[in-house]
Amino acid sequence: ADAGSAAGAPPTTGPDGKPLPYYNPCPDPDVYYCDDTERVCKHRVPVVLSSTVVELYNNQFAKSHGMPMADQDLVKFLIKSRGLSAMRFSIGLGNTTIAGTSTMTKKRPRRVEAVVVGVSSRAMQVGVTMPIQYITRWNKEYMGEDAAGAYSSIIVKLKDRNQLAPFGEWLKDPAQGLRLEDNLGERFATVIFVIRLLFLIISIAILVIAIINIGHNFFIQVSERRREIGIMRAVGATESDVMLIVLGEAALIGIVGGLLGIGLALGIGWGWNTYADANIPRFPFKPESWFEFKTWIWGSALGFSTVFCILGGYLPARRAAKMEPAQALAQN
């Protein structure tokens, strides 16, 4: 990691004790920096940022300071706009403490130099991510041997969001030897569950109302087509034939209505996504699409519309099938 001695580097403070502007005597400042303590050129600490940091820069810093907006390829953006030197920054070791910790260090604060090497979805959402070897060495230097092998927190990403609540219960198990200090995720999962349950109840209520309306409309149609049904029965149509005709019409209405509903949903979704992209500023976790249109959702929607139309038309179809030909022909 070293790149030769830098013993001839000037002091970092002036006669008045104030810090002097940073001077880097190393041969390649974009790759190496001069360590204040050891007076040698060391490799800059590689740092990875998350896309959330890029979004925060765009929405908070860039707008307020009149800076250009950054795209997801942050490295290319910075190099293109401000040169390779824009990737470099300083990290102060021993200058700050974390709220809630009681560990004090007597080590002299010092500065190390870092360089941004890219943006990754695996990086910490807020802050910077760097190789764990650096963190282990600094923890040992400033907080002792025990801190070198200890972890203050872990970040777990679940494959299934529905497993968030069971995972929280698993963490609370004393056998795991872990402590859950913040149950925000669990509370958030509970809120999501309540919202999904509410929408499920509303959807069921809408389906029940739809079945009642479909049944009512088919009862009216059967009453208006009594003579037609009577003629079909008189020329030899069986009860099953009449039921299949009425239920077939109901299924056809369900298929056509389902296709129209899917087309309307896709149109509304496309319109809202277009509006959101043009008018809603970017923010952390902003989705590429506000709607999820998977193939199984389309198939389920079409199937539900067909099935519930058939259910709504079953009783009217049964009534039509039981109708006596002579009675049907005699009625006006």
C-alpha atoms as a PDB file:
ATOM      1  CA  ALA A   1       0.000   0.000   0.000  1.00  0.00           C
ATOM      2  CA  ASP A   2       3.019   2.263   0.399  1.00  0.00           C
ATOM      3  CA  ALA A   3       4.599   4.151  -2.472  1.00  0.00           C
ATOM      4  CA  GLY A   4       7.852   5.322  -0.954  1.00  0.00           C
ATOM      5  CA  SER A   5       8.796   7.806   1.714  1.00  0.00           C
ATOM      6  CA  ALA A   6       7.471  11.338   1.893  1.00  0.00           C
ATOM      7  CA  ALA A   7       9.631  12.509   4.788  1.00  0.00           C
ATOM      8  CA  GLY A   8      10.381  15.762   3.039  1.00  0.00           C
ATOM      9  CA  ALA A   9       6.769  16.883   3.117  1.00  0.00           C
ATOM     10  CA  PRO A  10       6.138  20.270   4.754  1.00  0.00           C
ATOM     11  CA  PRO A  11       4.381  20.515   8.153  1.00  0.00           C
ATOM     12  CA  THR A  12       0.604  20.507   8.287  1.00  0.00           C
ATOM     13  CA  THR A  13       0.351  23.472  10.721  1.00  0.00           C
ATOM     14  CA  GLY A  14       1.818  26.937  10.559  1.00  0.00           C
ATOM     15  CA  PRO A  15       3.618  28.992  13.270  1.00  0.00           C
ATOM     16  CA  ASP A  16       0.265  30.146  14.637  1.00  0.00           C
ATOM     17  CA  GLY A  17      -0.941  26.562  15.040  1.00  0.00           C
ATOM     18  CA  LYS A  18      -3.541  26.837  12.313  1.00  0.00           C
ATOM     19  CA  PRO A  19      -3.707  24.077   9.684  1.00  0.00           C
ATOM     20  CA  LEU A  20      -1.995  24.792   6.406  1.00  0.00           C
ATOM     21  CA  PRO A  21      -3.562  23.950   3.029  1.00  0.00           C
ATOM     22  CA  TYR A  22      -3.107  20.265   2.335  1.00  0.00           C
ATOM     23  CA  TYR A  23      -0.022  19.485   0.293  1.00  0.00           C
ATOM     24  CA  ASN A  24       0.475  16.094  -1.340  1.00  0.00           C
ATOM     25  CA  PRO A  25       4.077  15.387  -2.372  1.00  0.00           C
ATOM     26  CA  CYS A  26       3.293  11.860  -3.604  1.00  0.00           C
ATOM     27  CA  PRO A  27       4.014  11.117  -7.287  1.00  0.00           C
ATOM     28  CA  ASP A  28       0.394  10.301  -8.246  1.00  0.00           C
ATOM     29  CA  PRO A  29      -2.026  12.341  -6.065  1.00  0.00           C
ATOM     30  CA  ASP A  30      -5.056  10.672  -7.619  1.00  0.00           C
ATOM     31  CA  VAL A  31      -3.888   7.280  -6.321  1.00  0.00           C
ATOM     32  CA  TYR A  32      -1.629   8.018  -3.328  1.00  0.00           C
ATOM     33  CA  TYR A  33      -1.622  10.452  -0.423  1.00  0.00           C
ATOM     34  CA  CYS A  34       0.914  11.442   2.224  1.00  0.00           C
ATOM     35  CA  ASP A  35       0.135   9.920   5.635  1.00  0.00           C
ATOM     36  CA  ASP A  36       0.406  12.590   8.364  1.00  0.00           C
ATOM     37  CA  THR A  37       1.686  10.162  10.995  1.00  0.00           C
ATOM     38  CA  GLU A  38       4.088   7.862   9.167  1.00  0.00           C
ATOM     39  CA  ARG A  39       5.170  10.365   6.512  1.00  0.00           C
ATOM     40  CA  VAL A  40       4.894   7.828   3.707  1.00  0.00           C
ATOM     41  CA  CYS A  41       2.780   7.739   0.572  1.00  0.00           C
ATOM     42  CA  LYS A  42      -0.121   5.347   0.984  1.00  0.00           C
ATOM     43  CA  HIS A  43      -2.786   4.124  -1.368  1.00  0.00           C
ATOM     44  CA  ARG A  44      -6.041   6.043  -1.111  1.00  0.00           C
ATOM     45  CA  VAL A  45      -8.919   4.221   0.587  1.00  0.00           C
ATOM     46  CA  PRO A  46     -11.384   3.000  -2.077  1.00  0.00           C
ATOM     47  CA  VAL A  47     -14.942   4.112  -1.305  1.00  0.00           C
ATOM     48  CA  VAL A  48     -18.230   3.015  -2.874  1.00  0.00           C
ATOM     49  CA  LEU A  49     -21.423   5.091  -2.737  1.00  0.00           C
ATOM     50  CA  SER A  50     -25.039   4.008  -3.011  1.00  0.00           C
ATOM     51  CA  SER A  51     -27.589   5.324  -5.490  1.00  0.00           C
ATOM     52  CA  THR A  52     -29.375   6.923  -2.520  1.00  0.00           C
ATOM     53  CA  VAL A  53     -26.414   9.242  -1.984  1.00  0.00           C
ATOM     54  CA  VAL A  54     -26.596  10.243  -5.646  1.00  0.00           C
ATOM     55  CA  GLU A  55     -30.312  10.998  -5.249  1.00  0.00           C
ATOM     56  CA  LEU A  56     -29.654  13.054  -2.109  1.00  0.00           C
ATOM     57  CA  TYR A  57     -26.996  15.020  -3.975  1.00  0.00           C
ATOM     58  CA  ASN A  58     -29.368  15.713  -6.866  1.00  0.00           C
ATOM     59  CA  ASN A  59     -32.337  16.777  -4.732  1.00  0.00           C
ATOM     60  CA  GLN A  60     -30.655  18.517  -1.792  1.00  0.00           C
ATOM     61  CA  PHE A  61     -27.195  19.749  -2.764  1.00  0.00           C
ATOM     62  CA  ALA A  62     -27.222  20.205  -6.521  1.00  0.00           C
ATOM     63  CA  LYS A  63     -30.444  22.239  -6.638  1.00  0.00           C
ATOM     64  CA  SER A  64     -29.574  24.527  -3.725  1.00  0.00           C
ATOM     65  CA  HIS A  65     -26.020  25.200  -4.989  1.00  0.00           C
ATOM     66  CA  GLY A  66     -26.776  25.401  -8.695  1.00  0.00           C
ATOM     67  CA  MET A  67     -24.711  22.304  -9.442  1.00  0.00           C
ATOM     68  CA  PRO A  68     -25.342  19.980 -12.402  1.00  0.00           C
ATOM     69  CA  MET A  69     -27.481  16.916 -11.790  1.00  0.00           C
ATOM     70  CA  ALA A  70     -25.610  13.619 -11.550  1.00  0.00           C
ATOM     71  CA  ASP A  71     -26.691  10.483 -13.334  1.00  0.00           C
ATOM     72  CA  GLN A  72     -26.308   6.983 -11.898  1.00  0.00           C
ATOM     73  CA  ASP A  73     -22.788   6.672 -13.324  1.00  0.00           C
ATOM     74  CA  LEU A  74     -21.434   9.062 -10.696  1.00  0.00           C
ATOM     75  CA  VAL A  75     -17.763   8.348 -11.403  1.00  0.00           C
ATOM     76  CA  LYS A  76     -18.000   9.290 -15.080  1.00  0.00           C
ATOM     77  CA  PHE A  77     -20.130  12.318 -14.185  1.00  0.00           C
ATOM     78  CA  LEU A  78     -17.606  13.712 -11.697  1.00  0.00           C
ATOM     79  CA  ILE A  79     -14.586  13.020 -13.892  1.00  0.00           C
ATOM     80  CA  LYS A  80     -16.288  14.648 -16.869  1.00  0.00           C
ATOM     81  CA  SER A  81     -17.459  17.730 -14.962  1.00  0.00           C
ATOM     82  CA  ARG A  82     -14.590  18.368 -12.536  1.00  0.00           C
ATOM     83  CA  GLY A  83     -11.746  16.020 -13.442  1.00  0.00           C
ATOM     84  CA  LEU A  84     -10.293  13.001 -11.656  1.00  0.00           C
ATOM     85  CA  SER A  85      -9.407  15.122  -8.614  1.00  0.00           C
ATOM     86  CA  ALA A  86     -13.120  15.440  -7.813  1.00  0.00           C
ATOM     87  CA  MET A  87     -13.092  11.784  -6.765  1.00  0.00           C
ATOM     88  CA  ARG A  88     -10.729  12.497  -3.850  1.00  0.00           C
ATOM     89  CA  PHE A  89     -11.773  13.500  -0.338  1.00  0.00           C
ATOM     90  CA  SER A  90     -10.515  13.316   3.257  1.00  0.00           C
ATOM     91  CA  ILE A  91     -11.711  11.139   6.147  1.00  0.00           C
ATOM     92  CA  GLY A  92     -11.048  12.304   9.711  1.00  0.00           C
ATOM     93  CA  LEU A  93     -10.230   9.510  12.166  1.00  0.00           C
ATOM     94  CA  GLY A  94     -10.820  10.163  15.868  1.00  0.00           C
ATOM     95  CA  ASN A  95     -12.520  13.523  15.322  1.00  0.00           C
ATOM     96  CA  THR A  96     -16.102  12.502  16.102  1.00  0.00           C
ATOM     97  CA  THR A  97     -18.006  10.200  18.430  1.00  0.00           C
ATOM     98  CA  ILE A  98     -21.198   8.228  17.903  1.00  0.00           C
ATOM     99  CA  ALA A  99     -24.179   9.043  20.100  1.00  0.00           C
ATOM    100  CA  GLY A 100     -24.857   6.296  22.613  1.00  0.00           C
ATOM    101  CA  THR A 101     -21.283   5.027  22.827  1.00  0.00           C
ATOM    102  CA  SER A 102     -19.106   5.428  25.905  1.00  0.00           C
ATOM    103  CA  THR A 103     -15.771   4.396  24.412  1.00  0.00           C
ATOM    104  CA  MET A 104     -13.225   7.202  24.498  1.00  0.00           C
ATOM    105  CA  THR A 105      -9.939   7.209  22.626  1.00  0.00           C
ATOM    106  CA  LYS A 106      -6.702   8.919  23.509  1.00  0.00           C
ATOM    107  CA  LYS A 107      -5.232   8.472  20.054  1.00  0.00           C
ATOM    108  CA  ARG A 108      -4.394  11.629  18.174  1.00  0.00           C
ATOM    109  CA  PRO A 109      -6.909  12.377  15.429  1.00  0.00           C
ATOM    110  CA  ARG A 110      -5.500  12.040  11.955  1.00  0.00           C
ATOM    111  CA  ARG A 111      -6.569  12.287   8.374  1.00  0.00           C
ATOM    112  CA  VAL A 112      -6.639   9.649   5.670  1.00  0.00           C
ATOM    113  CA  GLU A 113      -7.405  10.233   2.035  1.00  0.00           C
ATOM    114  CA  ALA A 114     -10.037   8.320   0.071  1.00  0.00           C
ATOM    115  CA  VAL A 115     -11.206   8.092  -3.507  1.00  0.00           C
ATOM    116  CA  VAL A 116     -14.663   7.294  -4.885  1.00  0.00           C
ATOM    117  CA  VAL A 117     -14.458   4.265  -7.175  1.00  0.00           C
ATOM    118  CA  GLY A 118     -18.110   3.795  -8.078  1.00  0.00           C
ATOM    119  CA  VAL A 119     -21.771   3.363  -7.160  1.00  0.00           C
ATOM    120  CA  SER A 120     -23.174   0.010  -6.060  1.00  0.00           C
ATOM    121  CA  SER A 121     -26.575  -1.327  -5.050  1.00  0.00           C
ATOM    122  CA  ARG A 122     -24.824  -3.325  -2.306  1.00  0.00           C
ATOM    123  CA  ALA A 123     -23.399  -0.226  -0.639  1.00  0.00           C
ATOM    124  CA  MET A 124     -24.833   1.279   2.558  1.00  0.00           C
ATOM    125  CA  GLN A 125     -27.837   3.429   1.715  1.00  0.00           C
ATOM    126  CA  VAL A 126     -26.505   6.485   3.557  1.00  0.00           C
ATOM    127  CA  GLY A 127     -22.813   7.188   4.040  1.00  0.00           C
ATOM    128  CA  VAL A 128     -19.858   5.537   2.368  1.00  0.00           C
ATOM    129  CA  THR A 129     -18.838   1.895   2.062  1.00  0.00           C
ATOM    130  CA  MET A 130     -15.200   0.818   2.161  1.00  0.00           C
ATOM    131  CA  PRO A 131     -13.254  -2.457   2.546  1.00  0.00           C
ATOM    132  CA  ILE A 132     -13.722  -4.017   5.972  1.00  0.00           C
ATOM    133  CA  GLN A 133      -9.954  -4.422   6.406  1.00  0.00           C
ATOM    134  CA  TYR A 134      -9.620  -0.652   6.832  1.00  0.00           C
ATOM    135  CA  ILE A 135     -12.456  -0.538   9.371  1.00  0.00           C
ATOM    136  CA  THR A 136     -10.980  -3.421  11.379  1.00  0.00           C
ATOM    137  CA  ARG A 137      -7.566  -1.762  11.530  1.00  0.00           C
ATOM    138  CA  TRP A 138      -8.983   1.628  12.529  1.00  0.00           C
ATOM    139  CA  ASN A 139     -11.246   0.114  15.198  1.00  0.00           C
ATOM    140  CA  LYS A 140      -8.245  -1.677  16.660  1.00  0.00           C
ATOM    141  CA  GLU A 141      -6.197   1.517  16.566  1.00  0.00           C
ATOM    142  CA  TYR A 142      -8.771   3.785  18.198  1.00  0.00           C
ATOM    143  CA  MET A 143     -11.000   1.453  20.248  1.00  0.00           C
ATOM    144  CA  GLY A 144      -8.855  -1.538  21.178  1.00  0.00           C
ATOM    145  CA  GLU A 145      -8.461  -5.205  20.306  1.00  0.00           C
ATOM    146  CA  ASP A 146     -12.049  -6.136  21.200  1.00  0.00           C
ATOM    147  CA  ALA A 147     -13.479  -3.618  18.754  1.00  0.00           C
ATOM    148  CA  ALA A 148     -11.409  -5.034  15.894  1.00  0.00           C
ATOM    149  CA  GLY A 149     -13.486  -8.215  15.725  1.00  0.00           C
ATOM    150  CA  ALA A 150     -16.833  -6.770  16.851  1.00  0.00           C
ATOM    151  CA  TYR A 151     -19.717  -5.496  14.750  1.00  0.00           C
ATOM    152  CA  SER A 152     -21.979  -2.706  15.938  1.00  0.00           C
ATOM    153  CA  SER A 153     -24.715  -3.478  13.421  1.00  0.00           C
ATOM    154  CA  ILE A 154     -25.623  -5.655  10.461  1.00  0.00           C
ATOM    155  CA  ILE A 155     -27.821  -4.982   7.452  1.00  0.00           C
ATOM    156  CA  VAL A 156     -30.056  -7.805   6.242  1.00  0.00           C
ATOM    157  CA  LYS A 157     -31.944  -7.726   2.952  1.00  0.00           C
ATOM    158  CA  LEU A 158     -34.848 -10.172   2.754  1.00  0.00           C
ATOM    159  CA  LYS A 159     -35.850 -11.825  -0.511  1.00  0.00           C
ATOM    160  CA  ASP A 160     -39.537 -11.750   0.464  1.00  0.00           C
ATOM    161  CA  ARG A 161     -40.976  -8.648   2.136  1.00  0.00           C
ATOM    162  CA  ASN A 162     -43.702 -10.797   3.690  1.00  0.00           C
ATOM    163  CA  GLN A 163     -41.021 -12.454   5.840  1.00  0.00           C
ATOM    164  CA  LEU A 164     -40.091  -9.196   7.590  1.00  0.00           C
ATOM    165  CA  ALA A 165     -42.343  -9.775  10.622  1.00  0.00           C
ATOM    166  CA  PRO A 166     -41.287 -13.457  11.097  1.00  0.00           C
ATOM    167  CA  PHE A 167     -37.656 -12.418  10.754  1.00  0.00           C
ATOM    168  CA  GLY A 168     -38.140  -9.804  13.485  1.00  0.00           C
ATOM    169  CA  GLU A 169     -39.589 -12.489  15.776  1.00  0.00           C
ATOM    170  CA  TRP A 170     -36.607 -14.735  14.998  1.00  0.00           C
ATOM    171  CA  LEU A 171     -34.231 -11.938  15.999  1.00  0.00           C
ATOM    172  CA  LYS A 172     -36.000 -11.593  19.361  1.00  0.00           C
ATOM    173  CA  ASP A 173     -35.356 -15.260  20.171  1.00  0.00           C
ATOM    174  CA  PRO A 174     -32.867 -15.305  23.105  1.00  0.00           C
ATOM    175  CA  ALA A 175     -31.165 -18.323  21.557  1.00  0.00           C
ATOM    176  CA  GLN A 176     -29.849 -16.145  18.730  1.00  0.00           C
ATOM    177  CA  GLY A 177     -27.902 -13.887  21.094  1.00  0.00           C
ATOM    178  CA  LEU A 178     -28.912 -10.779  19.156  1.00  0.00           C
ATOM    179  CA  ARG A 179     -30.580  -7.565  20.270  1.00  0.00           C
ATOM    180  CA  LEU A 180     -33.098  -5.708  18.125  1.00  0.00           C
ATOM    181  CA  GLU A 181     -32.741  -2.056  19.121  1.00  0.00           C
ATOM    182  CA  ASP A 182     -35.048  -0.576  16.490  1.00  0.00           C
ATOM    183  CA  ASN A 183     -38.243  -2.271  15.378  1.00  0.00           C
ATOM    184  CA  LEU A 184     -39.020   0.334  12.738  1.00  0.00           C
ATOM    185  CA  GLY A 185     -38.955  -2.314  10.022  1.00  0.00           C
ATOM    186  CA  GLU A 186     -41.392  -4.492  11.963  1.00  0.00           C
ATOM    187  CA  ARG A 187     -43.742  -1.576  12.532  1.00  0.00           C
ATOM    188  CA  PHE A 188     -43.485  -0.642   8.878  1.00  0.00           C
ATOM    189  CA  ALA A 189     -44.370  -4.230   7.931  1.00  0.00           C
ATOM    190  CA  THR A 190     -47.425  -4.039  10.214  1.00  0.00           C
ATOM    191  CA  VAL A 191     -48.579  -0.822   8.545  1.00  0.00           C
ATOM    192  CA  ILE A 192     -48.125  -2.385   5.109  1.00  0.00           C
ATOM    193  CA  PHE A 193     -50.104  -5.453   6.240  1.00  0.00           C
ATOM    194  CA  VAL A 194     -52.992  -3.284   7.491  1.00  0.00           C
ATOM    195  CA  ILE A 195     -53.041  -1.294   4.247  1.00  0.00           C
ATOM    196  CA  ARG A 196     -53.020  -4.468   2.142  1.00  0.00           C
ATOM    197  CA  LEU A 197     -55.796  -5.958   4.298  1.00  0.00           C
ATOM    198  CA  LEU A 198     -57.871  -2.795   3.870  1.00  0.00           C
ATOM    199  CA  PHE A 199     -57.461  -2.902   0.102  1.00  0.00           C
ATOM    200  CA  LEU A 200     -58.341  -6.609   0.122  1.00  0.00           C
ATOM    201  CA  ILE A 201     -61.591  -5.907   2.003  1.00  0.00           C
ATOM    202  CA  ILE A 202     -62.447  -3.098  -0.411  1.00  0.00           C
ATOM    203  CA  SER A 203     -61.717  -5.381  -3.385  1.00  0.00           C
ATOM    204  CA  ILE A 204     -63.938  -8.146  -1.987  1.00  0.00           C
ATOM    205  CA  ALA A 205     -66.755  -5.643  -1.408  1.00  0.00           C
ATOM    206  CA  ILE A 206     -66.427  -4.398  -4.996  1.00  0.00           C
ATOM    207  CA  LEU A 207     -66.538  -7.978  -6.307  1.00  0.00           C
ATOM    208  CA  VAL A 208     -69.676  -8.768  -4.281  1.00  0.00           C
ATOM    209  CA  ILE A 209     -71.396  -5.632  -5.584  1.00  0.00           C
ATOM    210  CA  ALA A 210     -70.319  -6.554  -9.127  1.00  0.00           C
ATOM    211  CA  ILE A 211     -71.819 -10.058  -8.770  1.00  0.00           C
ATOM    212  CA  ILE A 212     -75.116  -8.589  -7.537  1.00  0.00           C
ATOM    213  CA  ASN A 213     -75.237  -6.115 -10.436  1.00  0.00           C
ATOM    214  CA  ILE A 214     -74.401  -8.812 -12.985  1.00  0.00           C
ATOM    215  CA  GLY A 215     -77.084 -11.110 -11.559  1.00  0.00           C
ATOM    216  CA  HIS A 216     -79.646  -8.302 -11.591  1.00  0.00           C
ATOM    217  CA  ASN A 217     -78.878  -7.434 -15.217  1.00  0.00           C
ATOM    218  CA  PHE A 218     -79.147 -11.058 -16.313  1.00  0.00           C
ATOM    219  CA  PHE A 219     -82.448 -11.490 -14.454  1.00  0.00           C
ATOM    220  CA  ILE A 220     -83.783  -8.552 -16.474  1.00  0.00           C
ATOM    221  CA  GLN A 221     -82.434 -10.030 -19.721  1.00  0.00           C
ATOM    222  CA  VAL A 222     -83.998 -13.429 -18.979  1.00  0.00           C
ATOM    223  CA  SER A 223     -87.355 -11.755 -18.269  1.00  0.00           C
ATOM    224  CA  GLU A 224     -87.180  -9.808 -21.542  1.00  0.00           C
ATOM    225  CA  ARG A 225     -86.224 -12.953 -23.516  1.00  0.00           C
ATOM    226  CA  ARG A 226     -88.960 -15.241 -22.164  1.00  0.00           C
ATOM    227  CA  ARG A 227     -90.546 -15.808 -25.569  1.00  0.00           C
ATOM    228  CA  GLU A 228     -87.154 -16.472 -27.182  1.00  0.00           C
ATOM    229  CA  ILE A 229     -86.311 -19.011 -24.466  1.00  0.00           C
ATOM    230  CA  GLY A 230     -89.771 -20.572 -24.815  1.00  0.00           C
ATOM    231  CA  ILE A 231     -89.271 -21.027 -28.566  1.00  0.00           C
ATOM    232  CA  MET A 232     -85.859 -22.664 -27.978  1.00  0.00           C
ATOM    233  CA  ARG A 233     -87.409 -25.057 -25.474  1.00  0.00           C
ATOM    234  CA  ALA A 234     -90.327 -25.778 -27.824  1.00  0.00           C
ATOM    235  CA  VAL A 235     -88.036 -26.796 -30.698  1.00  0.00           C
ATOM    236  CA  GLY A 236     -86.078 -29.219 -28.519  1.00  0.00           C
ATOM    237  CA  ALA A 237     -83.494 -27.240 -26.490  1.00  0.00           C
ATOM    238  CA  THR A 238     -82.822 -28.880 -23.130  1.00  0.00           C
ATOM    239  CA  GLU A 239     -82.362 -27.157 -19.784  1.00  0.00           C
ATOM    240  CA  SER A 240     -78.605 -27.650 -20.104  1.00  0.00           C
ATOM    241  CA  ASP A 241     -78.618 -25.987 -23.534  1.00  0.00           C
ATOM    242  CA  VAL A 242     -80.392 -22.912 -22.180  1.00  0.00           C
ATOM    243  CA  MET A 243     -78.038 -22.687 -19.191  1.00  0.00           C
ATOM    244  CA  LEU A 244     -74.970 -22.986 -21.434  1.00  0.00           C
ATOM    245  CA  ILE A 245     -76.264 -20.214 -23.696  1.00  0.00           C
ATOM    246  CA  VAL A 246     -76.851 -17.805 -20.802  1.00  0.00           C
ATOM    247  CA  LEU A 247     -73.603 -18.704 -19.012  1.00  0.00           C
ATOM    248  CA  GLY A 248     -71.692 -18.453 -22.307  1.00  0.00           C
ATOM    249  CA  GLU A 249     -73.000 -14.925 -22.765  1.00  0.00           C
ATOM    250  CA  ALA A 250     -71.955 -14.116 -19.193  1.00  0.00           C
ATOM    251  CA  ALA A 251     -68.460 -15.527 -19.805  1.00  0.00           C
ATOM    252  CA  LEU A 252     -68.127 -13.515 -23.025  1.00  0.00           C
ATOM    253  CA  ILE A 253     -69.126 -10.341 -21.191  1.00  0.00           C
ATOM    254  CA  GLY A 254     -66.558 -11.152 -18.492  1.00  0.00           C
ATOM    255  CA  ILE A 255     -63.762 -11.686 -21.039  1.00  0.00           C
ATOM    256  CA  VAL A 256     -64.543  -8.486 -22.940  1.00  0.00           C
ATOM    257  CA  GLY A 257     -64.887  -6.512 -19.698  1.00  0.00           C
ATOM    258  CA  GLY A 258     -61.635  -7.962 -18.358  1.00  0.00           C
ATOM    259  CA  LEU A 259     -59.719  -7.051 -21.525  1.00  0.00           C
ATOM    260  CA  LEU A 260     -61.150  -3.530 -21.447  1.00  0.00           C
ATOM    261  CA  GLY A 261     -60.189  -3.219 -17.772  1.00  0.00           C
ATOM    262  CA  ILE A 262     -56.631  -4.410 -18.437  1.00  0.00           C
ATOM    263  CA  GLY A 263     -56.278  -1.963 -21.321  1.00  0.00           C
ATOM    264  CA  LEU A 264     -57.630   0.877 -19.179  1.00  0.00           C
ATOM    265  CA  ALA A 265     -55.251  -0.007 -16.323  1.00  0.00           C
ATOM    266  CA  LEU A 266     -52.242  -0.113 -18.661  1.00  0.00           C
ATOM    267  CA  GLY A 267     -53.225   3.237 -20.158  1.00  0.00           C
ATOM    268  CA  ILE A 268     -53.661   4.895 -16.762  1.00  0.00           C
ATOM    269  CA  GLY A 269     -50.391   3.389 -15.526  1.00  0.00           C
ATOM    270  CA  TRP A 270     -48.484   4.579 -18.585  1.00  0.00           C
ATOM    271  CA  GLY A 271     -49.997   8.051 -18.288  1.00  0.00           C
ATOM    272  CA  TRP A 272     -49.124   8.379 -14.604  1.00  0.00           C
ATOM    273  CA  ASN A 273     -45.561   7.114 -15.128  1.00  0.00           C
ATOM    274  CA  THR A 274     -45.073   9.643 -17.920  1.00  0.00           C
ATOM    275  CA  TYR A 275     -46.463  12.439 -15.747  1.00  0.00           C
ATOM    276  CA  ALA A 276     -44.352  11.385 -12.745  1.00  0.00           C
ATOM    277  CA  ASP A 277     -41.137  11.248 -14.777  1.00  0.00           C
ATOM    278  CA  ALA A 278     -41.762  14.743 -16.117  1.00  0.00           C
ATOM    279  CA  ASN A 279     -43.088  16.502 -12.994  1.00  0.00           C
ATOM    280  CA  ILE A 280     -41.989  14.648  -9.841  1.00  0.00           C
ATOM    281  CA  PRO A 281     -38.325  15.267  -8.918  1.00  0.00           C
ATOM    282  CA  ARG A 282     -36.064  12.345  -8.272  1.00  0.00           C
ATOM    283  CA  PHE A 283     -35.777  11.148  -4.681  1.00  0.00           C
ATOM    284  CA  PRO A 284     -34.279   8.123  -2.891  1.00  0.00           C
ATOM    285  CA  PHE A 285     -36.009   4.857  -3.783  1.00  0.00           C
ATOM    286  CA  LYS A 286     -38.082   6.523  -6.512  1.00  0.00           C
ATOM    287  CA  PRO A 287     -39.425   3.589  -8.556  1.00  0.00           C
ATOM    288  CA  GLU A 288     -38.893   3.264 -12.282  1.00  0.00           C
ATOM    289  CA  SER A 289     -42.601   2.426 -12.555  1.00  0.00           C
ATOM    290  CA  TRP A 290     -45.357   3.189 -10.041  1.00  0.00           C
ATOM    291  CA  PHE A 291     -47.346   0.141 -11.089  1.00  0.00           C
ATOM    292  CA  GLU A 292     -46.500  -3.536 -11.279  1.00  0.00           C
ATOM    293  CA  PHE A 293     -47.989  -5.225 -14.335  1.00  0.00           C
ATOM    294  CA  LYS A 294     -46.829  -8.821 -14.351  1.00  0.00           C
ATOM    295  CA  THR A 295     -48.221 -11.508 -16.626  1.00  0.00           C
ATOM    296  CA  TRP A 296     -49.858 -13.389 -13.767  1.00  0.00           C
ATOM    297  CA  ILE A 297     -51.660 -10.202 -12.704  1.00  0.00           C
ATOM    298  CA  TRP A 298     -53.152  -9.805 -16.176  1.00  0.00           C
ATOM    299  CA  GLY A 299     -54.189 -13.457 -16.242  1.00  0.00           C
ATOM    300  CA  SER A 300     -55.710 -13.237 -12.763  1.00  0.00           C
ATOM    301  CA  ALA A 301     -57.668 -10.103 -13.657  1.00  0.00           C
ATOM    302  CA  LEU A 302     -59.060 -11.729 -16.794  1.00  0.00           C
ATOM    303  CA  GLY A 303     -59.872 -14.928 -14.907  1.00  0.00           C
ATOM    304  CA  PHE A 304     -61.593 -13.094 -12.050  1.00  0.00           C
ATOM    305  CA  SER A 305     -63.741 -11.030 -14.402  1.00  0.00           C
ATOM    306  CA  THR A 306     -64.833 -14.155 -16.295  1.00  0.00           C
ATOM    307  CA  VAL A 307     -65.492 -16.284 -13.204  1.00  0.00           C
ATOM    308  CA  PHE A 308     -67.481 -13.628 -11.378  1.00  0.00           C
ATOM    309  CA  CYS A 309     -69.576 -12.880 -14.455  1.00  0.00           C
ATOM    310  CA  ILE A 310     -70.410 -16.593 -14.671  1.00  0.00           C
ATOM    311  CA  LEU A 311     -71.282 -16.638 -10.962  1.00  0.00           C
ATOM    312  CA  GLY A 312     -73.478 -13.593 -11.410  1.00  0.00           C
ATOM    313  CA  GLY A 313     -75.280 -15.190 -14.333  1.00  0.00           C
ATOM    314  CA  TYR A 314     -75.770 -18.634 -12.769  1.00  0.00           C
ATOM    315  CA  LEU A 315     -79.087 -18.005 -10.987  1.00  0.00           C
ATOM    316  CA  PRO A 316     -80.666 -16.212 -13.979  1.00  0.00           C
ATOM    317  CA  ALA A 317     -79.473 -19.056 -16.238  1.00  0.00           C
ATOM    318  CA  ARG A 318     -81.004 -21.622 -13.917  1.00  0.00           C
ATOM    319  CA  ARG A 319     -84.278 -19.702 -13.864  1.00  0.00           C
ATOM    320  CA  ALA A 320     -84.307 -19.543 -17.660  1.00  0.00           C
ATOM    321  CA  ALA A 321     -83.604 -23.284 -17.915  1.00  0.00           C
ATOM    322  CA  LYS A 322     -86.521 -24.128 -15.605  1.00  0.00           C
ATOM    323  CA  MET A 323     -88.964 -22.015 -17.587  1.00  0.00           C
ATOM    324  CA  GLU A 324     -91.862 -23.988 -19.130  1.00  0.00           C
ATOM    325  CA  PRO A 325     -92.200 -23.437 -22.922  1.00  0.00           C
ATOM    326  CA  ALA A 326     -95.993 -22.965 -22.885  1.00  0.00           C
ATOM    327  CA  GLN A 327     -95.853 -20.506 -19.997  1.00  0.00           C
ATOM    328  CA  ALA A 328     -93.027 -18.553 -21.602  1.00  0.00           C
ATOM    329  CA  LEU A 329     -94.820 -18.276 -24.957  1.00  0.00           C
ATOM    330  CA  ALA A 330     -98.072 -17.191 -23.298  1.00  0.00           C
ATOM    331  CA  GLN A 331     -96.460 -14.217 -21.502  1.00  0.00           C
ATOM    332  CA  ASN A 332     -96.013 -10.813 -23.138  1.00  0.00           C
END
